[in-house]
Structures are given as structure tokens and as C-alpha cells.
Amino acid sequence: MPLENDAVAARVHRYLELVETGTADEVAALFASEATIEDPVGSEVRAGRHDIREFYATFESMTKTTRLISLRACAGQAAFQFEISTEVAEATFATMSPMEVMVFDDDGLIESMRAWWAPDDLTIGPAGD
């Protein structure tokens, strides 16, 4: 039976919290062992926790903030948009607002994640721009 909508929403909030402040291992632990991510859509699909951990490790040490903009949870799935800002130099941030779709298994682990964004969606500037 699919997760209840409030459980899906709670997992999305936890995901964003860990993307912001957690380790690559903590983020990868949210995914099922054979999960897939496609970030961005159209890029190579990464499969399995090892590859997913490697993906999140690429920006683990960076200073980041996340902010949920919109979330819809239904039938064990979530579609959401959020903003992520990453400090790329002192007081200079790369900011984007991807849209993601996640599918969760019955245990609440992410089975798949797809992120919609393109390089043109990225802005560079001081915080708050």
C-alpha cells in the first residue's frame, strides 16, 4: 500500500534538510538499495546507493541552503519545487529552483528521483538575489 501523503511530505522535508546539512551517506540512506536518480532529466541515470552517494558527495562539503517552494504528495509519490543556493565564492551563490519527482516504496525509501532543471536556470550572485 502506498505511503500516506503526510508521510511522503515528511520524507521530502527530511531529504531537503539532509541535502542542506547532511552527509552524502545520510542522503543516500533515504534511497532504496536499487534506486535511480536522473539529475537533471536527460542526463545519465545513476542506479544503486553507491552511485547515488557519489552524486551527493560532489557537493557535500559546500555551504548550501534549501527552501521548499511547492509540494504535492499523492499515492506514494511527490512532485515538488525547491530553491537551493550553494556558496561558490565568498558571499557569492549559485542558485536554482529545480522541480523534482520522487517515487517511494512501501518502506518509505526513495525508489526513483528525477530533477528538472537546465544550466540556464542557474543564477550567480549575492545571497538573496
Protein backbone atom coordinates (compact mmCIF):
# COMPACT_ATOMS: atom_id res chain seq x y z
CA MET A 1 0.00 0.00 0.00
CA PRO A 2 1.44 3.43 -0.92
CA LEU A 3 2.65 5.75 1.81
CA GLU A 4 0.17 8.23 3.21
CA ASN A 5 0.53 11.72 1.77
CA ASP A 6 1.74 13.21 5.06
CA ALA A 7 4.46 10.55 5.31
CA VAL A 8 5.59 11.36 1.76
CA ALA A 9 5.69 15.07 2.60
CA ALA A 10 7.73 14.38 5.75
CA ARG A 11 10.27 12.44 3.70
CA VAL A 12 10.62 15.27 1.20
CA HIS A 13 11.26 17.69 4.07
CA ARG A 14 13.88 15.31 5.50
CA TYR A 15 15.53 14.97 2.08
CA LEU A 16 15.85 18.75 1.73
CA GLU A 17 17.18 19.04 5.28
CA LEU A 18 19.88 16.44 4.57
CA VAL A 19 20.77 17.93 1.18
CA GLU A 20 21.40 21.19 3.05
CA THR A 21 23.23 19.95 6.16
CA GLY A 22 23.71 16.19 5.96
CA THR A 23 26.40 13.92 4.62
CA ALA A 24 26.31 12.05 1.33
CA ASP A 25 25.86 8.84 3.34
CA GLU A 26 22.82 10.28 5.14
CA VAL A 27 21.20 11.40 1.89
CA ALA A 28 21.95 8.06 0.19
CA ALA A 29 20.34 6.21 3.12
CA LEU A 30 17.00 7.78 2.13
CA PHE A 31 17.10 5.78 -1.13
CA ALA A 32 16.23 2.13 -1.72
CA SER A 33 19.23 -0.08 -2.47
CA GLU A 34 18.41 -0.26 -6.21
CA ALA A 35 17.03 3.28 -6.54
CA THR A 36 17.69 5.52 -9.53
CA ILE A 37 18.27 9.24 -9.91
CA GLU A 38 18.23 11.30 -13.08
CA ASP A 39 19.54 14.74 -12.20
CA PRO A 40 18.95 16.59 -14.43
CA VAL A 41 16.41 14.80 -16.62
CA GLY A 42 18.17 13.77 -19.82
CA SER A 43 21.47 13.04 -18.09
CA GLU A 44 22.85 9.61 -17.30
CA VAL A 45 20.69 7.69 -14.84
CA ARG A 46 22.57 6.73 -11.70
CA ALA A 47 21.49 3.44 -10.14
CA GLY A 48 22.10 2.00 -6.71
CA ARG A 49 23.03 3.59 -3.41
CA HIS A 50 26.76 3.63 -4.20
CA ASP A 51 26.30 5.77 -7.33
CA ILE A 52 23.72 7.94 -5.58
CA ARG A 53 26.12 8.54 -2.69
CA GLU A 54 28.86 9.54 -5.15
CA PHE A 55 26.49 12.06 -6.75
CA TYR A 56 25.66 13.76 -3.44
CA ALA A 57 29.30 13.61 -2.30
CA THR A 58 30.25 16.02 -5.12
CA PHE A 59 28.68 18.92 -3.22
CA GLU A 60 28.69 17.57 0.35
CA SER A 61 31.37 19.98 1.61
CA MET A 62 29.79 23.10 0.07
CA THR A 63 27.77 25.59 2.11
CA LYS A 64 24.16 25.19 0.96
CA THR A 65 20.65 26.31 1.83
CA THR A 66 17.38 24.80 0.63
CA ARG A 67 13.85 26.19 0.71
CA LEU A 68 10.73 24.29 -0.29
CA ILE A 69 8.57 26.30 -2.69
CA SER A 70 5.77 23.88 -3.55
CA LEU A 71 4.93 20.24 -2.77
CA ARG A 72 2.27 17.81 -3.91
CA ALA A 73 2.15 14.33 -2.39
CA CYS A 74 -0.13 11.61 -3.70
CA ALA A 75 -0.14 7.79 -3.89
CA GLY A 76 3.39 7.32 -2.59
CA GLN A 77 4.86 9.95 -4.89
CA ALA A 78 5.90 13.58 -4.56
CA ALA A 79 6.30 16.41 -7.02
CA PHE A 80 7.98 19.47 -5.60
CA GLN A 81 9.93 22.59 -6.41
CA PHE A 82 12.59 23.97 -4.14
CA GLU A 83 15.36 26.51 -4.18
CA ILE A 84 18.94 25.54 -3.50
CA SER A 85 21.74 28.06 -3.06
CA THR A 86 25.36 26.96 -2.93
CA GLU A 87 28.19 29.26 -1.94
CA VAL A 88 30.70 29.24 -4.81
CA ALA A 89 32.93 32.06 -3.51
CA GLU A 90 32.83 34.35 -0.52
CA ALA A 91 29.35 35.94 -0.46
CA THR A 92 28.63 34.63 -3.98
CA PHE A 93 26.00 31.95 -4.51
CA ALA A 94 24.80 29.73 -7.33
CA THR A 95 21.02 29.44 -7.00
CA MET A 96 18.46 27.36 -8.84
CA SER A 97 14.90 26.11 -8.33
CA PRO A 98 14.63 22.59 -9.71
CA MET A 99 11.43 20.59 -9.86
CA GLU A 100 11.72 17.00 -8.69
CA VAL A 101 9.52 13.94 -8.77
CA MET A 102 10.13 11.12 -6.30
CA VAL A 103 8.54 7.70 -6.05
CA PHE A 104 8.65 5.99 -2.65
CA ASP A 105 8.49 2.29 -1.82
CA ASP A 106 6.21 0.89 0.89
CA ASP A 107 9.03 1.27 3.44
CA GLY A 108 9.32 5.00 2.73
CA LEU A 109 12.58 4.79 0.79
CA ILE A 110 13.01 6.69 -2.47
CA GLU A 111 12.81 4.32 -5.46
CA SER A 112 13.39 7.00 -8.07
CA MET A 113 14.12 10.70 -8.26
CA ARG A 114 14.06 12.84 -11.39
CA ALA A 115 15.06 16.51 -11.34
CA TRP A 116 14.02 19.06 -13.96
CA TRP A 117 16.46 21.92 -14.46
CA ALA A 118 18.80 23.25 -17.12
CA PRO A 119 22.05 25.25 -16.92
CA ASP A 120 20.11 28.40 -17.91
CA ASP A 121 18.13 28.06 -14.66
CA LEU A 122 21.25 28.76 -12.58
CA THR A 123 21.87 32.30 -11.35
CA ILE A 124 25.09 33.58 -9.78
CA GLY A 125 25.14 36.48 -7.33
CA PRO A 126 24.99 37.59 -3.72
CA ALA A 127 22.60 35.85 -1.33
CA GLY A 128 19.01 36.94 -1.76
CA ASP A 129 19.29 37.96 -5.44
